[in-house]
C-alpha cells in the first residue's frame, strides 16, 4: 500500500532552538522520498524520526540561506557512506550554483553518489516522475527563492451505474480502463462514457516569501500545503521587511487557494512553543468551520498524512 505523508524533521527559522531544529521536511510519496530544505541537524533528526536516509530519492532546496541548506553536506556524505544505489535528484536555484558546490565539497569524503542536478532558473515544470509532475515558481524573498508543487495527474474512475447502463462487467471493465475502449454486444463503449475524471493529489511547499501570486499558484487546490508562518500578525511589518509571511497571511493564502490541509512552519525562535500561534489564530477568529482549511502548527517529528480529496 502506498504511503503519502509529511515528516517534519525541523520547523524552526534562522537558528535552531531547544524546541525546534532547523528546517527539514520529508515527503513520503508512494516510492519517493522528497527532502525539502535540509537545515543543520537534519541527518540526526532522521534518526529520531525513524527514517532511513536511503529513503531519500530527491532533495529540493528553496534558497541558500543557512537554515534551509546547512544540513546538505551531511546528508550527501551519509548517502555516499551507505552506498545508495538509486540516483539522487537535487533541485535548487541556478543562481546558487556556487553555494551548492561549496556545500557538496565541504569536507573530504568518498563521493559515490549518482547525483542528478536540476538547476532552476525560471518558473515551470522542472521534472516528471512516476505518476507526478514537479513544478517550481519564484517567490518574493530578498534572495533567489523557489517554491515547489508536486501534482499527481488527473485520475479517471469507473462509475458503476454507467458501467451497468452500457452492459460492461467483469474482465471487460478492466480491459476498458486499460485500453480506453471495449466491444460489448457489437457496440463500442468508450472510457469517457462510463467514467469520471478527478484531479490528482497535490502537495505544495511555500517557504520564505512575502504573500505573492506565485505562492497562490503553487498552493492552488493542494491537498497538503506546507507554508511559512515565521511571525504572528502583530509582527506584520517585520515580516514584510525581511520577506516573510505571518500566520494570518499563511492561512489567508490557504483559504484563497482552496487548500485542504495547511501546515504552518518556519516558526521564529522568539516563540518558544505553539501557544502564541494558537492564541493569535483564535483571537483573529481564524478558527476554521467545515469546508475551511485544516490548520496544523508544525512541531519537530510530527507526521502528517496527505489527505484524500473530499
C-alpha atoms as a PDB file:
ATOM      1  CA  UNK A   1       0.000   0.000   0.000  1.00  0.00           C
ATOM      2  CA  UNK A   2       1.361   3.420  -0.968  1.00  0.00           C
ATOM      3  CA  UNK A   3       2.255   5.892   1.776  1.00  0.00           C
ATOM      4  CA  UNK A   4       1.806   9.631   1.441  1.00  0.00           C
ATOM      5  CA  UNK A   5       2.799  11.610   4.494  1.00  0.00           C
ATOM      6  CA  UNK A   6       4.906  14.530   5.621  1.00  0.00           C
ATOM      7  CA  UNK A   7       7.539  14.015   8.317  1.00  0.00           C
ATOM      8  CA  UNK A   8       8.543  17.291   9.971  1.00  0.00           C
ATOM      9  CA  UNK A   9      12.245  16.927  10.787  1.00  0.00           C
ATOM     10  CA  UNK A  10      12.600  20.535  11.893  1.00  0.00           C
ATOM     11  CA  UNK A  11      10.444  23.649  11.677  1.00  0.00           C
ATOM     12  CA  UNK A  12      12.476  26.488  13.199  1.00  0.00           C
ATOM     13  CA  UNK A  13      13.651  29.571  11.316  1.00  0.00           C
ATOM     14  CA  UNK A  14      17.105  31.159  11.231  1.00  0.00           C
ATOM     15  CA  UNK A  15      18.641  29.354  14.224  1.00  0.00           C
ATOM     16  CA  UNK A  16      17.866  26.054  15.988  1.00  0.00           C
ATOM     17  CA  UNK A  17      16.395  26.230  19.474  1.00  0.00           C
ATOM     18  CA  UNK A  18      15.740  23.821  22.322  1.00  0.00           C
ATOM     19  CA  UNK A  19      12.264  23.301  20.941  1.00  0.00           C
ATOM     20  CA  UNK A  20      12.856  23.281  17.177  1.00  0.00           C
ATOM     21  CA  UNK A  21      15.560  22.055  14.848  1.00  0.00           C
ATOM     22  CA  UNK A  22      16.499  23.891  11.675  1.00  0.00           C
ATOM     23  CA  UNK A  23      14.145  23.289   8.756  1.00  0.00           C
ATOM     24  CA  UNK A  24      13.761  19.844   7.237  1.00  0.00           C
ATOM     25  CA  UNK A  25      10.629  18.290   5.720  1.00  0.00           C
ATOM     26  CA  UNK A  26      10.469  14.793   4.269  1.00  0.00           C
ATOM     27  CA  UNK A  27       7.545  13.983   1.982  1.00  0.00           C
ATOM     28  CA  UNK A  28       6.935  10.264   1.555  1.00  0.00           C
ATOM     29  CA  UNK A  29       5.040   9.930  -1.722  1.00  0.00           C
ATOM     30  CA  UNK A  30       4.495   6.338  -2.823  1.00  0.00           C
ATOM     31  CA  UNK A  31       8.009   5.092  -3.636  1.00  0.00           C
ATOM     32  CA  UNK A  32       9.635   8.534  -3.449  1.00  0.00           C
ATOM     33  CA  UNK A  33      11.233  10.335  -0.512  1.00  0.00           C
ATOM     34  CA  UNK A  34      11.435  14.078  -1.178  1.00  0.00           C
ATOM     35  CA  UNK A  35      13.540  16.023   1.320  1.00  0.00           C
ATOM     36  CA  UNK A  36      12.811  19.762   1.346  1.00  0.00           C
ATOM     37  CA  UNK A  37      15.276  22.329   2.734  1.00  0.00           C
ATOM     38  CA  UNK A  38      17.630  20.212   4.873  1.00  0.00           C
ATOM     39  CA  UNK A  39      18.920  22.584   7.531  1.00  0.00           C
ATOM     40  CA  UNK A  40      21.574  21.889  10.133  1.00  0.00           C
ATOM     41  CA  UNK A  41      20.981  18.671  12.087  1.00  0.00           C
ATOM     42  CA  UNK A  42      18.719  17.016   9.507  1.00  0.00           C
ATOM     43  CA  UNK A  43      20.753  13.804   9.474  1.00  0.00           C
ATOM     44  CA  UNK A  44      20.239  13.354  13.229  1.00  0.00           C
ATOM     45  CA  UNK A  45      16.567  14.242  13.011  1.00  0.00           C
ATOM     46  CA  UNK A  46      16.114  11.395  10.522  1.00  0.00           C
ATOM     47  CA  UNK A  47      17.311   9.025  13.243  1.00  0.00           C
ATOM     48  CA  UNK A  48      14.821  10.401  15.764  1.00  0.00           C
ATOM     49  CA  UNK A  49      12.053  10.134  13.148  1.00  0.00           C
ATOM     50  CA  UNK A  50      12.943   6.521  12.381  1.00  0.00           C
ATOM     51  CA  UNK A  51      13.531   7.252   8.687  1.00  0.00           C
ATOM     52  CA  UNK A  52      16.331   5.556   6.767  1.00  0.00           C
ATOM     53  CA  UNK A  53      18.457   8.089   4.852  1.00  0.00           C
ATOM     54  CA  UNK A  54      18.341   5.723   1.873  1.00  0.00           C
ATOM     55  CA  UNK A  55      14.619   6.520   1.601  1.00  0.00           C
ATOM     56  CA  UNK A  56      15.578   9.941   0.200  1.00  0.00           C
ATOM     57  CA  UNK A  57      15.322   9.996  -3.587  1.00  0.00           C
ATOM     58  CA  UNK A  58      15.099  13.755  -4.196  1.00  0.00           C
ATOM     59  CA  UNK A  59      16.327  16.864  -2.368  1.00  0.00           C
ATOM     60  CA  UNK A  60      14.658  20.208  -3.049  1.00  0.00           C
ATOM     61  CA  UNK A  61      16.215  23.468  -1.882  1.00  0.00           C
ATOM     62  CA  UNK A  62      14.178  26.660  -1.976  1.00  0.00           C
ATOM     63  CA  UNK A  63      17.148  29.003  -1.423  1.00  0.00           C
ATOM     64  CA  UNK A  64      20.613  29.138   0.069  1.00  0.00           C
ATOM     65  CA  UNK A  65      20.052  30.769   3.445  1.00  0.00           C
ATOM     66  CA  UNK A  66      21.731  28.524   6.002  1.00  0.00           C
ATOM     67  CA  UNK A  67      18.610  27.317   7.803  1.00  0.00           C
ATOM     68  CA  UNK A  68      17.484  25.752   4.523  1.00  0.00           C
ATOM     69  CA  UNK A  69      20.677  24.083   3.334  1.00  0.00           C
ATOM     70  CA  UNK A  70      23.362  23.631   6.021  1.00  0.00           C
ATOM     71  CA  UNK A  71      22.340  20.007   6.513  1.00  0.00           C
ATOM     72  CA  UNK A  72      23.014  19.142   2.875  1.00  0.00           C
ATOM     73  CA  UNK A  73      26.700  18.160   3.294  1.00  0.00           C
ATOM     74  CA  UNK A  74      25.871  15.613   5.987  1.00  0.00           C
ATOM     75  CA  UNK A  75      23.008  14.116   4.002  1.00  0.00           C
ATOM     76  CA  UNK A  76      25.106  13.722   0.852  1.00  0.00           C
ATOM     77  CA  UNK A  77      28.012  12.200   2.783  1.00  0.00           C
ATOM     78  CA  UNK A  78      25.713   9.813   4.648  1.00  0.00           C
ATOM     79  CA  UNK A  79      24.097   8.579   1.433  1.00  0.00           C
ATOM     80  CA  UNK A  80      27.549   8.055  -0.067  1.00  0.00           C
ATOM     81  CA  UNK A  81      28.668   6.188   3.046  1.00  0.00           C
ATOM     82  CA  UNK A  82      25.583   3.964   2.844  1.00  0.00           C
ATOM     83  CA  UNK A  83      26.270   3.299  -0.826  1.00  0.00           C
ATOM     84  CA  UNK A  84      22.734   4.007  -2.022  1.00  0.00           C
ATOM     85  CA  UNK A  85      22.205   2.555  -5.469  1.00  0.00           C
ATOM     86  CA  UNK A  86      19.459   4.849  -6.777  1.00  0.00           C
ATOM     87  CA  UNK A  87      20.102   8.234  -8.410  1.00  0.00           C
ATOM     88  CA  UNK A  88      19.624  11.233  -6.125  1.00  0.00           C
ATOM     89  CA  UNK A  89      17.925  14.192  -7.801  1.00  0.00           C
ATOM     90  CA  UNK A  90      18.807  17.632  -6.431  1.00  0.00           C
ATOM     91  CA  UNK A  91      16.755  20.754  -7.278  1.00  0.00           C
ATOM     92  CA  UNK A  92      17.989  24.259  -6.417  1.00  0.00           C
ATOM     93  CA  UNK A  93      18.050  27.876  -7.692  1.00  0.00           C
ATOM     94  CA  UNK A  94      20.530  28.034 -10.560  1.00  0.00           C
ATOM     95  CA  UNK A  95      21.890  31.343  -9.256  1.00  0.00           C
ATOM     96  CA  UNK A  96      23.161  29.495  -6.171  1.00  0.00           C
ATOM     97  CA  UNK A  97      25.369  27.024  -8.051  1.00  0.00           C
ATOM     98  CA  UNK A  98      28.480  28.349  -6.283  1.00  0.00           C
ATOM     99  CA  UNK A  99      26.936  27.751  -2.854  1.00  0.00           C
ATOM    100  CA  UNK A 100      25.797  24.285  -3.873  1.00  0.00           C
ATOM    101  CA  UNK A 101      29.304  23.334  -4.941  1.00  0.00           C
ATOM    102  CA  UNK A 102      30.736  24.571  -1.638  1.00  0.00           C
ATOM    103  CA  UNK A 103      28.194  22.514   0.306  1.00  0.00           C
ATOM    104  CA  UNK A 104      28.913  19.403  -1.775  1.00  0.00           C
ATOM    105  CA  UNK A 105      32.661  19.722  -1.134  1.00  0.00           C
ATOM    106  CA  UNK A 106      32.511  20.988   2.452  1.00  0.00           C
ATOM    107  CA  UNK A 107      34.834  18.215   3.672  1.00  0.00           C
ATOM    108  CA  UNK A 108      36.766  15.175   2.488  1.00  0.00           C
ATOM    109  CA  UNK A 109      34.717  12.073   1.733  1.00  0.00           C
ATOM    110  CA  UNK A 110      34.435   9.323  -0.833  1.00  0.00           C
ATOM    111  CA  UNK A 111      31.661  10.544  -3.123  1.00  0.00           C
ATOM    112  CA  UNK A 112      29.853   7.518  -4.546  1.00  0.00           C
ATOM    113  CA  UNK A 113      26.506   9.157  -5.268  1.00  0.00           C
ATOM    114  CA  UNK A 114      24.883   9.309  -8.660  1.00  0.00           C
ATOM    115  CA  UNK A 115      23.785  12.915  -8.196  1.00  0.00           C
ATOM    116  CA  UNK A 116      21.454  14.362 -10.840  1.00  0.00           C
ATOM    117  CA  UNK A 117      21.460  18.167 -10.701  1.00  0.00           C
ATOM    118  CA  UNK A 118      18.390  20.238 -11.620  1.00  0.00           C
ATOM    119  CA  UNK A 119      19.313  23.952 -11.524  1.00  0.00           C
ATOM    120  CA  UNK A 120      16.170  26.106 -11.702  1.00  0.00           C
ATOM    121  CA  UNK A 121      16.250  29.470 -13.456  1.00  0.00           C
ATOM    122  CA  UNK A 122      12.600  30.084 -14.324  1.00  0.00           C
ATOM    123  CA  UNK A 123       9.046  29.141 -13.442  1.00  0.00           C
ATOM    124  CA  UNK A 124       7.576  25.931 -14.817  1.00  0.00           C
ATOM    125  CA  UNK A 125       7.834  22.160 -14.773  1.00  0.00           C
ATOM    126  CA  UNK A 126      11.272  21.037 -13.574  1.00  0.00           C
ATOM    127  CA  UNK A 127      10.806  17.252 -13.648  1.00  0.00           C
ATOM    128  CA  UNK A 128       8.327  14.448 -14.218  1.00  0.00           C
ATOM    129  CA  UNK A 129       8.477  11.251 -12.179  1.00  0.00           C
ATOM    130  CA  UNK A 130       6.470   8.058 -11.947  1.00  0.00           C
ATOM    131  CA  UNK A 131       2.950   9.397 -11.511  1.00  0.00           C
ATOM    132  CA  UNK A 132       3.742  13.045 -10.676  1.00  0.00           C
ATOM    133  CA  UNK A 133       4.825  16.358 -12.162  1.00  0.00           C
ATOM    134  CA  UNK A 134       7.149  18.692 -10.219  1.00  0.00           C
ATOM    135  CA  UNK A 135       6.783  22.425 -10.761  1.00  0.00           C
ATOM    136  CA  UNK A 136       8.721  25.376  -9.338  1.00  0.00           C
ATOM    137  CA  UNK A 137       7.882  29.085  -9.086  1.00  0.00           C
ATOM    138  CA  UNK A 138       9.947  32.053  -7.973  1.00  0.00           C
ATOM    139  CA  UNK A 139       8.834  33.509  -4.632  1.00  0.00           C
ATOM    140  CA  UNK A 140       9.136  37.023  -3.129  1.00  0.00           C
ATOM    141  CA  UNK A 141      12.172  36.810  -0.820  1.00  0.00           C
ATOM    142  CA  UNK A 142      15.295  39.025  -0.739  1.00  0.00           C
ATOM    143  CA  UNK A 143      17.381  36.215  -2.285  1.00  0.00           C
ATOM    144  CA  UNK A 144      16.577  33.940  -5.228  1.00  0.00           C
ATOM    145  CA  UNK A 145      13.938  31.540  -3.875  1.00  0.00           C
ATOM    146  CA  UNK A 146      11.681  28.932  -5.478  1.00  0.00           C
ATOM    147  CA  UNK A 147       8.645  27.141  -4.079  1.00  0.00           C
ATOM    148  CA  UNK A 148       7.568  23.696  -5.261  1.00  0.00           C
ATOM    149  CA  UNK A 149       4.357  21.948  -6.300  1.00  0.00           C
ATOM    150  CA  UNK A 150       4.076  18.174  -6.701  1.00  0.00           C
ATOM    151  CA  UNK A 151       0.954  17.217  -8.660  1.00  0.00           C
ATOM    152  CA  UNK A 152      -0.446  13.811  -9.500  1.00  0.00           C
ATOM    153  CA  UNK A 153      -2.006  13.617 -12.991  1.00  0.00           C
ATOM    154  CA  UNK A 154      -5.826  13.555 -13.114  1.00  0.00           C
ATOM    155  CA  UNK A 155      -7.257  10.143 -12.299  1.00  0.00           C
ATOM    156  CA  UNK A 156     -10.149   8.533 -14.159  1.00  0.00           C
ATOM    157  CA  UNK A 157     -12.546   6.415 -12.099  1.00  0.00           C
ATOM    158  CA  UNK A 158     -15.153   4.000 -13.440  1.00  0.00           C
ATOM    159  CA  UNK A 159     -18.761   4.766 -12.459  1.00  0.00           C
ATOM    160  CA  UNK A 160     -20.671   1.534 -11.561  1.00  0.00           C
ATOM    161  CA  UNK A 161     -24.040   2.887 -12.684  1.00  0.00           C
ATOM    162  CA  UNK A 162     -22.636   3.898 -16.078  1.00  0.00           C
ATOM    163  CA  UNK A 163     -20.922   0.504 -16.481  1.00  0.00           C
ATOM    164  CA  UNK A 164     -24.234  -1.293 -15.877  1.00  0.00           C
ATOM    165  CA  UNK A 165     -26.079   1.008 -18.279  1.00  0.00           C
ATOM    166  CA  UNK A 166     -23.593   0.121 -21.034  1.00  0.00           C
ATOM    167  CA  UNK A 167     -23.521  -3.589 -20.192  1.00  0.00           C
ATOM    168  CA  UNK A 168     -19.876  -3.607 -19.077  1.00  0.00           C
ATOM    169  CA  UNK A 169     -18.953  -6.053 -16.318  1.00  0.00           C
ATOM    170  CA  UNK A 170     -16.237  -8.438 -15.134  1.00  0.00           C
ATOM    171  CA  UNK A 171     -12.924  -8.522 -17.044  1.00  0.00           C
ATOM    172  CA  UNK A 172     -14.339  -6.193 -19.693  1.00  0.00           C
ATOM    173  CA  UNK A 173     -14.260  -3.321 -17.166  1.00  0.00           C
ATOM    174  CA  UNK A 174     -10.535  -3.797 -16.580  1.00  0.00           C
ATOM    175  CA  UNK A 175      -9.880  -4.009 -20.304  1.00  0.00           C
ATOM    176  CA  UNK A 176     -11.864  -0.816 -20.852  1.00  0.00           C
ATOM    177  CA  UNK A 177      -9.781   1.059 -18.295  1.00  0.00           C
ATOM    178  CA  UNK A 178      -6.503  -0.245 -19.733  1.00  0.00           C
ATOM    179  CA  UNK A 179      -7.294   0.259 -23.425  1.00  0.00           C
ATOM    180  CA  UNK A 180      -9.793   3.118 -23.388  1.00  0.00           C
ATOM    181  CA  UNK A 181     -12.474   1.203 -25.321  1.00  0.00           C
ATOM    182  CA  UNK A 182     -14.126  -2.215 -25.445  1.00  0.00           C
ATOM    183  CA  UNK A 183     -16.612  -4.064 -27.703  1.00  0.00           C
ATOM    184  CA  UNK A 184     -19.845  -5.093 -25.943  1.00  0.00           C
ATOM    185  CA  UNK A 185     -22.522  -6.874 -27.970  1.00  0.00           C
ATOM    186  CA  UNK A 186     -21.313  -5.329 -31.177  1.00  0.00           C
ATOM    187  CA  UNK A 187     -21.196  -1.840 -29.655  1.00  0.00           C
ATOM    188  CA  UNK A 188     -18.060   0.149 -28.943  1.00  0.00           C
ATOM    189  CA  UNK A 189     -18.013   1.561 -25.412  1.00  0.00           C
ATOM    190  CA  UNK A 190     -15.516   4.360 -24.728  1.00  0.00           C
ATOM    191  CA  UNK A 191     -13.876   5.021 -21.384  1.00  0.00           C
ATOM    192  CA  UNK A 192     -15.182   8.576 -21.035  1.00  0.00           C
ATOM    193  CA  UNK A 193     -18.757   7.267 -21.321  1.00  0.00           C
ATOM    194  CA  UNK A 194     -18.519   5.205 -18.139  1.00  0.00           C
ATOM    195  CA  UNK A 195     -16.041   7.138 -16.006  1.00  0.00           C
ATOM    196  CA  UNK A 196     -15.354  10.496 -14.425  1.00  0.00           C
ATOM    197  CA  UNK A 197     -12.125  12.414 -14.130  1.00  0.00           C
ATOM    198  CA  UNK A 198     -10.870  13.540 -10.731  1.00  0.00           C
ATOM    199  CA  UNK A 199      -7.988  15.897 -10.135  1.00  0.00           C
ATOM    200  CA  UNK A 200      -4.899  14.193  -8.776  1.00  0.00           C
ATOM    201  CA  UNK A 201      -3.476  14.872  -5.317  1.00  0.00           C
ATOM    202  CA  UNK A 202      -1.270  17.952  -4.876  1.00  0.00           C
ATOM    203  CA  UNK A 203       1.462  18.808  -2.366  1.00  0.00           C
ATOM    204  CA  UNK A 204       2.790  22.373  -2.204  1.00  0.00           C
ATOM    205  CA  UNK A 205       5.823  23.797  -0.413  1.00  0.00           C
ATOM    206  CA  UNK A 206       5.907  27.578   0.055  1.00  0.00           C
ATOM    207  CA  UNK A 207       8.829  28.735   2.158  1.00  0.00           C
ATOM    208  CA  UNK A 208      10.415  32.143   2.886  1.00  0.00           C
ATOM    209  CA  UNK A 209       8.313  34.606   0.950  1.00  0.00           C
ATOM    210  CA  UNK A 210       6.026  37.566   1.248  1.00  0.00           C
ATOM    211  CA  UNK A 211       2.464  36.939   0.044  1.00  0.00           C
ATOM    212  CA  UNK A 212       2.610  36.806  -3.758  1.00  0.00           C
ATOM    213  CA  UNK A 213       0.860  35.424  -6.847  1.00  0.00           C
ATOM    214  CA  UNK A 214       3.430  32.637  -7.207  1.00  0.00           C
ATOM    215  CA  UNK A 215       2.644  31.342  -3.712  1.00  0.00           C
ATOM    216  CA  UNK A 216      -1.053  31.228  -4.602  1.00  0.00           C
ATOM    217  CA  UNK A 217      -0.336  29.397  -7.887  1.00  0.00           C
ATOM    218  CA  UNK A 218       1.736  26.770  -6.070  1.00  0.00           C
ATOM    219  CA  UNK A 219      -0.887  26.261  -3.351  1.00  0.00           C
ATOM    220  CA  UNK A 220      -3.945  26.175  -5.619  1.00  0.00           C
ATOM    221  CA  UNK A 221      -6.153  23.178  -4.768  1.00  0.00           C
ATOM    222  CA  UNK A 222      -3.434  21.495  -2.697  1.00  0.00           C
ATOM    223  CA  UNK A 223      -4.351  18.540  -0.533  1.00  0.00           C
ATOM    224  CA  UNK A 224      -1.437  19.467   1.734  1.00  0.00           C
ATOM    225  CA  UNK A 225       0.403  22.788   1.851  1.00  0.00           C
ATOM    226  CA  UNK A 226       3.497  23.473   3.938  1.00  0.00           C
ATOM    227  CA  UNK A 227       3.635  27.235   4.314  1.00  0.00           C
ATOM    228  CA  UNK A 228       6.000  29.505   6.140  1.00  0.00           C
ATOM    229  CA  UNK A 229       4.403  31.451   9.024  1.00  0.00           C
ATOM    230  CA  UNK A 230       7.502  32.959  10.566  1.00  0.00           C
ATOM    231  CA  UNK A 231       5.750  35.656  12.573  1.00  0.00           C
ATOM    232  CA  UNK A 232       2.444  36.449  14.238  1.00  0.00           C
ATOM    233  CA  UNK A 233       0.239  39.140  12.702  1.00  0.00           C
ATOM    234  CA  UNK A 234       1.442  41.619  15.334  1.00  0.00           C
ATOM    235  CA  UNK A 235       4.834  41.495  13.574  1.00  0.00           C
ATOM    236  CA  UNK A 236       3.496  42.044  10.048  1.00  0.00           C
ATOM    237  CA  UNK A 237       5.787  44.989   9.263  1.00  0.00           C
ATOM    238  CA  UNK A 238       8.795  42.996  10.457  1.00  0.00           C
ATOM    239  CA  UNK A 239       7.711  40.080   8.284  1.00  0.00           C
ATOM    240  CA  UNK A 240       7.335  42.308   5.246  1.00  0.00           C
ATOM    241  CA  UNK A 241      10.760  43.894   5.776  1.00  0.00           C
ATOM    242  CA  UNK A 242      12.505  40.514   5.829  1.00  0.00           C
ATOM    243  CA  UNK A 243      10.454  38.812   3.118  1.00  0.00           C
ATOM    244  CA  UNK A 244       8.265  36.554   5.250  1.00  0.00           C
ATOM    245  CA  UNK A 245       4.627  35.782   5.999  1.00  0.00           C
ATOM    246  CA  UNK A 246       2.634  35.889   9.194  1.00  0.00           C
ATOM    247  CA  UNK A 247       0.414  33.057  10.411  1.00  0.00           C
ATOM    248  CA  UNK A 248      -2.676  35.013   9.386  1.00  0.00           C
ATOM    249  CA  UNK A 249      -1.299  35.615   5.901  1.00  0.00           C
ATOM    250  CA  UNK A 250      -0.428  31.933   5.518  1.00  0.00           C
ATOM    251  CA  UNK A 251      -3.951  30.892   6.447  1.00  0.00           C
ATOM    252  CA  UNK A 252      -5.441  33.550   4.155  1.00  0.00           C
ATOM    253  CA  UNK A 253      -3.343  32.081   1.329  1.00  0.00           C
ATOM    254  CA  UNK A 254      -4.581  28.564   2.116  1.00  0.00           C
ATOM    255  CA  UNK A 255      -8.192  29.761   2.150  1.00  0.00           C
ATOM    256  CA  UNK A 256      -7.928  31.673  -1.123  1.00  0.00           C
ATOM    257  CA  UNK A 257      -6.144  28.768  -2.833  1.00  0.00           C
ATOM    258  CA  UNK A 258      -8.689  26.152  -1.727  1.00  0.00           C
ATOM    259  CA  UNK A 259      -6.188  24.129   0.298  1.00  0.00           C
ATOM    260  CA  UNK A 260      -7.445  21.074   2.192  1.00  0.00           C
ATOM    261  CA  UNK A 261      -4.803  20.982   4.980  1.00  0.00           C
ATOM    262  CA  UNK A 262      -2.111  23.576   5.747  1.00  0.00           C
ATOM    263  CA  UNK A 263       0.959  23.133   7.951  1.00  0.00           C
ATOM    264  CA  UNK A 264       2.304  26.381   9.395  1.00  0.00           C
ATOM    265  CA  UNK A 265       6.079  26.103   9.599  1.00  0.00           C
ATOM    266  CA  UNK A 266       9.391  28.028   9.701  1.00  0.00           C
ATOM    267  CA  UNK A 267       8.456  29.378  13.135  1.00  0.00           C
ATOM    268  CA  UNK A 268      10.501  32.170  14.691  1.00  0.00           C
ATOM    269  CA  UNK A 269      12.645  31.341  17.697  1.00  0.00           C
ATOM    270  CA  UNK A 270      11.016  34.263  19.533  1.00  0.00           C
ATOM    271  CA  UNK A 271       8.009  31.982  20.105  1.00  0.00           C
ATOM    272  CA  UNK A 272       9.125  29.084  22.311  1.00  0.00           C
ATOM    273  CA  UNK A 273       6.090  26.898  21.614  1.00  0.00           C
ATOM    274  CA  UNK A 274       2.916  26.838  19.531  1.00  0.00           C
ATOM    275  CA  UNK A 275       0.749  28.526  22.201  1.00  0.00           C
ATOM    276  CA  UNK A 276       1.170  32.091  20.815  1.00  0.00           C
ATOM    277  CA  UNK A 277       0.238  30.860  17.328  1.00  0.00           C
ATOM    278  CA  UNK A 278      -2.878  29.107  18.612  1.00  0.00           C
ATOM    279  CA  UNK A 279      -3.927  32.132  20.640  1.00  0.00           C
ATOM    280  CA  UNK A 280      -3.326  34.535  17.765  1.00  0.00           C
ATOM    281  CA  UNK A 281      -5.294  32.444  15.298  1.00  0.00           C
ATOM    282  CA  UNK A 282      -8.191  32.121  17.707  1.00  0.00           C
ATOM    283  CA  UNK A 283      -8.147  35.834  18.592  1.00  0.00           C
ATOM    284  CA  UNK A 284      -8.282  36.702  14.899  1.00  0.00           C
ATOM    285  CA  UNK A 285     -11.362  34.466  14.501  1.00  0.00           C
ATOM    286  CA  UNK A 286      -9.410  32.165  12.207  1.00  0.00           C
ATOM    287  CA  UNK A 287     -10.879  29.018  13.705  1.00  0.00           C
ATOM    288  CA  UNK A 288     -11.998  27.132  10.621  1.00  0.00           C
ATOM    289  CA  UNK A 289     -15.504  25.695  10.205  1.00  0.00           C
ATOM    290  CA  UNK A 290     -16.276  22.756   7.922  1.00  0.00           C
ATOM    291  CA  UNK A 291     -15.008  23.403   4.420  1.00  0.00           C
ATOM    292  CA  UNK A 292     -12.169  25.668   5.568  1.00  0.00           C
ATOM    293  CA  UNK A 293      -8.528  24.518   5.536  1.00  0.00           C
ATOM    294  CA  UNK A 294      -7.490  22.318   8.411  1.00  0.00           C
ATOM    295  CA  UNK A 295      -4.622  24.109  10.180  1.00  0.00           C
ATOM    296  CA  UNK A 296      -1.711  22.275  11.795  1.00  0.00           C
ATOM    297  CA  UNK A 297       1.090  24.133  13.575  1.00  0.00           C
ATOM    298  CA  UNK A 298       4.325  22.287  12.830  1.00  0.00           C
ATOM    299  CA  UNK A 299       6.300  20.505  15.541  1.00  0.00           C
ATOM    300  CA  UNK A 300       9.533  18.568  15.168  1.00  0.00           C
ATOM    301  CA  UNK A 301       8.993  14.857  14.358  1.00  0.00           C
ATOM    302  CA  UNK A 302       5.290  15.343  13.650  1.00  0.00           C
ATOM    303  CA  UNK A 303       3.867  13.045  10.950  1.00  0.00           C
ATOM    304  CA  UNK A 304       1.042  14.437   8.838  1.00  0.00           C
ATOM    305  CA  UNK A 305      -0.907  12.423   6.278  1.00  0.00           C
ATOM    306  CA  UNK A 306      -1.610  13.838   2.836  1.00  0.00           C
ATOM    307  CA  UNK A 307      -5.434  13.990   2.920  1.00  0.00           C
ATOM    308  CA  UNK A 308      -7.510  12.486   0.175  1.00  0.00           C
ATOM    309  CA  UNK A 309      -9.900  14.557  -1.918  1.00  0.00           C
ATOM    310  CA  UNK A 310     -13.230  15.395  -0.377  1.00  0.00           C
END
